[in-house]
Protein backbone atom coordinates (compact mmCIF):
# COMPACT_ATOMS: atom_id res chain seq x y z
CA MET A 1 17.65 2.89 -7.81
CA ASN A 2 17.85 -0.79 -8.60
CA SER A 3 15.11 -2.44 -10.79
CA VAL A 4 14.79 -5.87 -12.19
CA PHE A 5 11.92 -6.69 -14.73
CA SER A 6 10.88 -10.09 -16.22
CA LYS A 7 11.50 -10.38 -19.92
CA GLN A 8 7.77 -10.99 -20.47
CA PHE A 9 6.90 -7.53 -19.03
CA SER A 10 10.08 -5.57 -19.87
CA GLN A 11 7.92 -3.26 -22.27
CA LEU A 12 6.09 -1.88 -19.24
CA LYS A 13 9.26 -0.46 -17.47
CA ASN A 14 8.74 3.18 -18.22
CA GLU A 15 4.95 2.98 -17.25
CA ILE A 16 5.73 1.16 -14.08
CA LEU A 17 8.44 3.50 -12.97
CA ASP A 18 6.15 6.57 -13.58
CA ILE A 19 3.43 4.91 -11.52
CA ILE A 20 5.78 4.46 -8.67
CA LYS A 21 6.77 8.14 -8.88
CA ASN A 22 3.18 8.98 -8.12
CA PHE A 23 2.32 5.98 -6.06
CA LYS A 24 0.95 7.83 -3.03
CA ASN A 25 -1.55 9.98 -5.00
CA SER A 26 -2.88 7.46 -7.45
CA GLY A 27 -4.16 3.86 -7.90
CA THR A 28 -6.88 1.85 -6.23
CA LEU A 29 -6.08 0.72 -2.57
CA ILE A 30 -6.46 -2.96 -1.72
CA GLY A 31 -6.97 -3.74 2.03
CA PRO A 32 -6.31 -1.14 4.90
CA GLY A 33 -2.75 -0.18 3.91
CA ALA A 34 -1.83 0.02 7.67
CA ARG A 35 1.48 -1.75 7.29
CA ASN A 36 2.42 -2.39 3.66
CA VAL A 37 0.50 -0.47 0.98
CA VAL A 38 -0.99 -2.51 -1.89
CA LYS A 39 -2.71 -0.87 -4.91
CA PHE A 40 -3.64 -1.89 -8.41
CA PHE A 41 -3.04 0.18 -11.45
CA GLU A 42 -4.31 -0.12 -15.10
CA ILE A 43 -1.80 -0.04 -17.96
CA ASP A 44 -3.26 -0.47 -21.48
CA GLY A 45 -6.44 -1.96 -20.07
CA ASN A 46 -4.67 -4.57 -17.89
CA LYS A 47 -4.54 -4.50 -14.16
CA TYR A 48 -1.25 -4.68 -12.22
CA ASN A 49 -0.67 -5.07 -8.40
CA PHE A 50 1.91 -2.81 -6.72
CA LYS A 51 3.10 -3.62 -3.22
CA SER A 52 4.96 -0.89 -1.31
CA PHE A 53 6.77 -2.28 1.77
CA LYS A 54 6.65 -0.51 5.04
CA GLN A 55 9.57 1.87 5.62
CA HIS A 56 12.22 0.21 7.83
CA ASN A 57 13.86 1.79 10.85
CA PHE A 58 17.36 3.36 10.59
CA ILE A 59 19.21 0.18 11.53
CA ASN A 60 17.21 -2.09 9.24
CA ARG A 61 17.64 0.30 6.29
CA HIS A 62 21.29 -0.27 6.49
CA VAL A 63 20.93 -4.08 6.92
CA TYR A 64 18.66 -4.29 3.87
CA LYS A 65 21.21 -2.55 1.67
CA TYR A 66 24.26 -4.55 2.69
CA TYR A 67 23.36 -7.87 4.38
CA ARG A 68 19.87 -8.88 3.53
CA LYS A 69 17.74 -8.93 0.44
CA SER A 70 14.73 -6.54 0.28
CA LYS A 71 11.27 -7.92 0.79
CA ALA A 72 10.40 -6.89 -2.71
CA ARG A 73 13.51 -8.67 -4.10
CA ARG A 74 12.58 -11.78 -2.21
CA SER A 75 9.02 -11.66 -3.32
CA TYR A 76 10.06 -11.57 -6.93
CA LYS A 77 12.65 -14.29 -6.52
CA TYR A 78 10.31 -16.61 -4.64
CA ALA A 79 7.41 -16.05 -7.02
CA ASN A 80 9.71 -17.34 -9.93
CA ILE A 81 10.80 -20.36 -7.83
CA LEU A 82 7.22 -21.28 -7.05
CA LEU A 83 6.19 -21.05 -10.67
CA SER A 84 9.18 -23.00 -11.78
CA LYS A 85 8.02 -25.89 -9.40
CA GLY A 86 4.50 -25.88 -10.72
CA TYR A 87 2.78 -23.78 -8.04
CA TYR A 88 0.59 -20.78 -8.61
CA THR A 89 1.18 -17.18 -7.80
CA PRO A 90 0.33 -13.95 -9.78
CA ASN A 91 2.88 -13.47 -12.47
CA PRO A 92 5.86 -11.56 -11.09
CA ILE A 93 6.67 -8.50 -13.20
CA ALA A 94 9.31 -6.48 -11.32
CA TYR A 95 10.97 -5.30 -8.16
CA ILE A 96 12.28 -1.87 -7.55
CA GLU A 97 14.47 -0.57 -4.81
CA PHE A 98 15.58 2.85 -3.77
CA PHE A 99 18.62 3.65 -1.64
CA ASP A 100 20.43 6.56 -0.14
CA PHE A 101 23.91 6.72 1.28
CA TRP A 102 22.82 5.02 4.44
CA GLY A 103 20.56 2.21 3.12
CA LEU A 104 17.22 1.10 1.60
CA THR A 105 14.61 3.85 1.61
CA SER A 106 11.73 2.06 -0.26
CA SER A 107 10.98 -1.03 -2.23
CA TYR A 108 8.20 -2.17 -4.54
CA TYR A 109 7.00 -5.65 -5.80
CA VAL A 110 4.93 -5.57 -8.97
CA SER A 111 2.80 -8.56 -10.23
CA GLU A 112 -0.28 -9.13 -12.26
CA GLN A 113 -3.53 -8.35 -10.54
CA LEU A 114 -5.57 -11.42 -9.93
CA ASP A 115 -9.37 -11.00 -10.48
CA ASN A 116 -12.35 -13.42 -10.18
CA CYS A 117 -11.03 -15.06 -7.15
CA PHE A 118 -11.68 -15.17 -3.35
CA PRO A 119 -9.41 -15.34 -0.38
CA LEU A 120 -9.33 -18.58 1.77
CA SER A 121 -10.41 -16.36 4.75
CA ASP A 122 -13.77 -16.10 3.14
CA ALA A 123 -14.29 -19.82 3.63
CA LEU A 124 -12.52 -19.79 7.08
CA PHE A 125 -14.73 -17.22 8.63
CA ASN A 126 -18.01 -18.13 7.11
CA PRO A 127 -19.41 -21.54 8.38
CA GLN A 128 -22.11 -21.37 5.58
CA PHE A 129 -19.59 -20.88 2.86
CA SER A 130 -20.31 -23.17 -0.15
CA ASP A 131 -18.27 -26.43 -0.42
CA ARG A 132 -16.13 -25.42 2.59
CA GLU A 133 -14.86 -28.83 3.43
CA ASN A 134 -13.59 -29.49 -0.13
CA ILE A 135 -11.88 -26.12 -0.07
CA PHE A 136 -9.85 -26.95 3.00
CA LYS A 137 -9.07 -30.43 1.69
CA ALA A 138 -7.68 -28.72 -1.39
CA TYR A 139 -5.74 -26.29 0.78
CA THR A 140 -4.24 -29.15 2.69
CA ASP A 141 -3.30 -30.91 -0.51
CA LEU A 142 -1.47 -27.73 -1.53
CA ILE A 143 0.41 -27.37 1.79
CA TYR A 144 1.30 -31.12 1.78
CA ASN A 145 2.86 -30.81 -1.67
CA LEU A 146 4.70 -27.67 -0.70
CA HIS A 147 6.13 -29.54 2.29
CA GLU A 148 7.06 -32.44 0.04
CA SER A 149 8.94 -29.98 -2.15
CA GLY A 150 10.78 -28.60 0.87
CA ILE A 151 8.98 -25.28 0.86
CA GLU A 152 7.89 -23.67 4.09
CA PHE A 153 5.41 -20.73 3.34
CA ILE A 154 5.94 -18.96 6.62
CA ASP A 155 3.07 -16.56 6.25
CA ASN A 156 0.58 -19.34 6.08
CA ALA A 157 -2.43 -17.25 6.94
CA SER A 158 -5.80 -17.48 5.23
CA GLY A 159 -5.60 -14.06 3.55
CA ASN A 160 -2.41 -15.13 1.65
CA PHE A 161 -4.21 -17.69 -0.54
CA LEU A 162 -6.32 -16.50 -3.33
CA ILE A 163 -8.61 -19.14 -4.96
CA LYS A 164 -10.15 -19.67 -8.33
CA LYS A 165 -12.67 -22.43 -9.17
CA CYS A 166 -11.88 -23.91 -12.54
CA ASP A 167 -13.98 -26.94 -13.85
CA GLY A 168 -14.99 -27.90 -10.36
CA ASN A 169 -11.50 -27.73 -8.93
CA TYR A 170 -9.84 -25.12 -6.70
CA LYS A 171 -6.65 -23.38 -7.96
CA PHE A 172 -4.78 -21.72 -5.05
CA TYR A 173 -2.50 -18.80 -5.66
CA LEU A 174 0.03 -17.79 -3.02
CA VAL A 175 0.63 -14.17 -2.33
CA ASP A 176 2.69 -12.28 0.25
CA LEU A 177 5.79 -14.18 -0.55
CA ASN A 178 8.68 -12.50 1.04
CA ARG A 179 8.97 -15.14 3.82
CA ILE A 180 9.56 -18.62 2.47
CA ASN A 181 12.19 -21.15 3.78
CA PHE A 182 13.43 -23.89 1.55
CA HIS A 183 14.46 -27.19 3.18
CA GLU A 184 16.44 -30.22 1.93
CA ASN A 185 15.00 -32.09 4.85
CA PHE A 186 11.66 -30.88 6.19
CA PRO A 187 10.85 -32.85 9.48
CA LEU A 188 7.26 -33.73 10.32
CA GLU A 189 7.35 -31.56 13.62
CA LYS A 190 8.37 -28.46 11.72
CA ARG A 191 5.72 -29.25 9.09
CA PHE A 192 2.93 -29.13 11.60
CA LYS A 193 4.25 -25.85 13.10
CA ASN A 194 3.61 -24.36 9.67
CA PHE A 195 -0.17 -24.54 10.28
CA ALA A 196 0.24 -22.28 13.46
CA ARG A 197 -1.16 -19.03 11.84
CA LEU A 198 -4.09 -20.53 10.20
CA THR A 199 -6.94 -21.18 12.73
CA THR A 200 -7.79 -22.59 16.17
CA SER A 201 -11.06 -23.87 14.91
CA PRO A 202 -11.42 -27.58 15.88
CA GLU A 203 -13.64 -28.15 12.93
CA ILE A 204 -11.20 -26.89 10.35
CA ILE A 205 -8.30 -28.37 12.04
CA LYS A 206 -10.04 -31.76 11.89
CA ILE A 207 -10.44 -31.47 8.15
CA ILE A 208 -6.83 -30.51 7.66
CA ALA A 209 -5.58 -33.23 9.97
CA ASP A 210 -7.63 -36.00 8.33
CA GLU A 211 -6.48 -34.82 4.83
CA TYR A 212 -2.77 -34.42 5.81
CA ALA A 213 -2.93 -37.90 7.59
CA SER A 214 -4.31 -39.48 4.36
CA LEU A 215 -1.65 -37.88 2.26
CA SER A 216 1.34 -38.49 4.66
CA GLY A 217 0.40 -41.89 5.90
CA ASN A 218 0.27 -40.82 9.47
CA ALA A 219 -2.66 -41.29 11.96
CA SER A 220 -5.34 -38.65 11.87
CA ASP A 221 -5.46 -38.43 15.65
CA PHE A 222 -1.73 -37.82 15.70
CA CYS A 223 -1.80 -35.08 13.05
CA TYR A 224 -4.86 -33.53 14.83
CA LYS A 225 -3.00 -33.44 18.16
CA LYS A 226 0.10 -31.90 16.60
CA ILE A 227 -1.70 -29.22 14.72
CA VAL A 228 -3.80 -28.27 17.83
CA GLU A 229 -0.56 -28.14 19.85
CA THR A 230 1.18 -25.67 17.50
CA THR A 231 -1.88 -23.44 16.99
CA SER A 232 -2.53 -23.29 20.75
CA GLN A 233 1.09 -22.27 21.32
CA LYS A 234 0.71 -19.62 18.73
CA ALA A 235 -2.53 -18.32 20.31
CA ARG A 236 -0.89 -18.03 23.72
CA LYS A 237 2.00 -16.12 22.27
CA ASN A 238 -0.34 -13.73 20.56
CA LYS A 239 -2.35 -13.19 23.66
CA LYS A 240 0.74 -12.63 25.72
CA LYS A 241 1.96 -10.06 23.03
CA ALA A 242 -1.32 -8.27 23.05
CA LYS A 243 -1.38 -8.16 26.85
CA GLY A 244 2.12 -6.75 26.95
CA ALA A 245 1.30 -4.07 24.31
CA LYS A 246 -1.75 -3.07 26.34
CA GLU A 247 0.16 -2.84 29.63
CA GLU A 248 2.90 -0.74 27.88
CA GLY A 249 0.10 1.54 26.51
CA LEU A 250 -1.40 1.98 30.05
CA THR A 251 2.05 2.63 31.48
CA SER A 252 2.63 5.44 28.84
CA LEU A 253 -0.58 7.27 29.69
């Protein structure tokens, strides 16, 4: 086993390791748990978020032991980087990895549980959501600032942004952090591709394009066109992938 705890929460080490021993049979599940399993647990009246990453296949288990950092380790590392640069994410507490002779068997990322917030997906999928336009302007401000810092948040999907409203302003917390790229030079074309996973809604894309144009000094029509292109490409890839999976399923019947 390998474990790293932040100094601020090192006193919780024994309790956290005990929770992981009984992870499957305790805690409160968050989401469907179809891929990675996320639960929260209480310790001394405080809530903590535990993410258990999906078990890897035989080859990847070996890769994650010797050649690549585990998703839990990357999540912990990237959370600390984001916080150091002034961005918000639930406070990272620890990552824990388990190995056998061949490779990584399981890994966990532990952070503070964030309450009294809502995911960006609530605003995305509800046209009647209160103050929707300003929420997406605030989201665009965040993404633009990340880009200016050379940060590419690859899993830029609406469920990976938790939002708190504080004094009339929206504070965005990034979650699901194991896939982030850092660039010394972040070209505009690549920046627009970062929006591919968010939405194909023309209304939302227009809000994002106008705000990104205002911040970056580019024309709104140009930004809109580029974002539509990248979201359309992503949609076609997803459709093709879904079709392939369906055909494979029919073939196997």
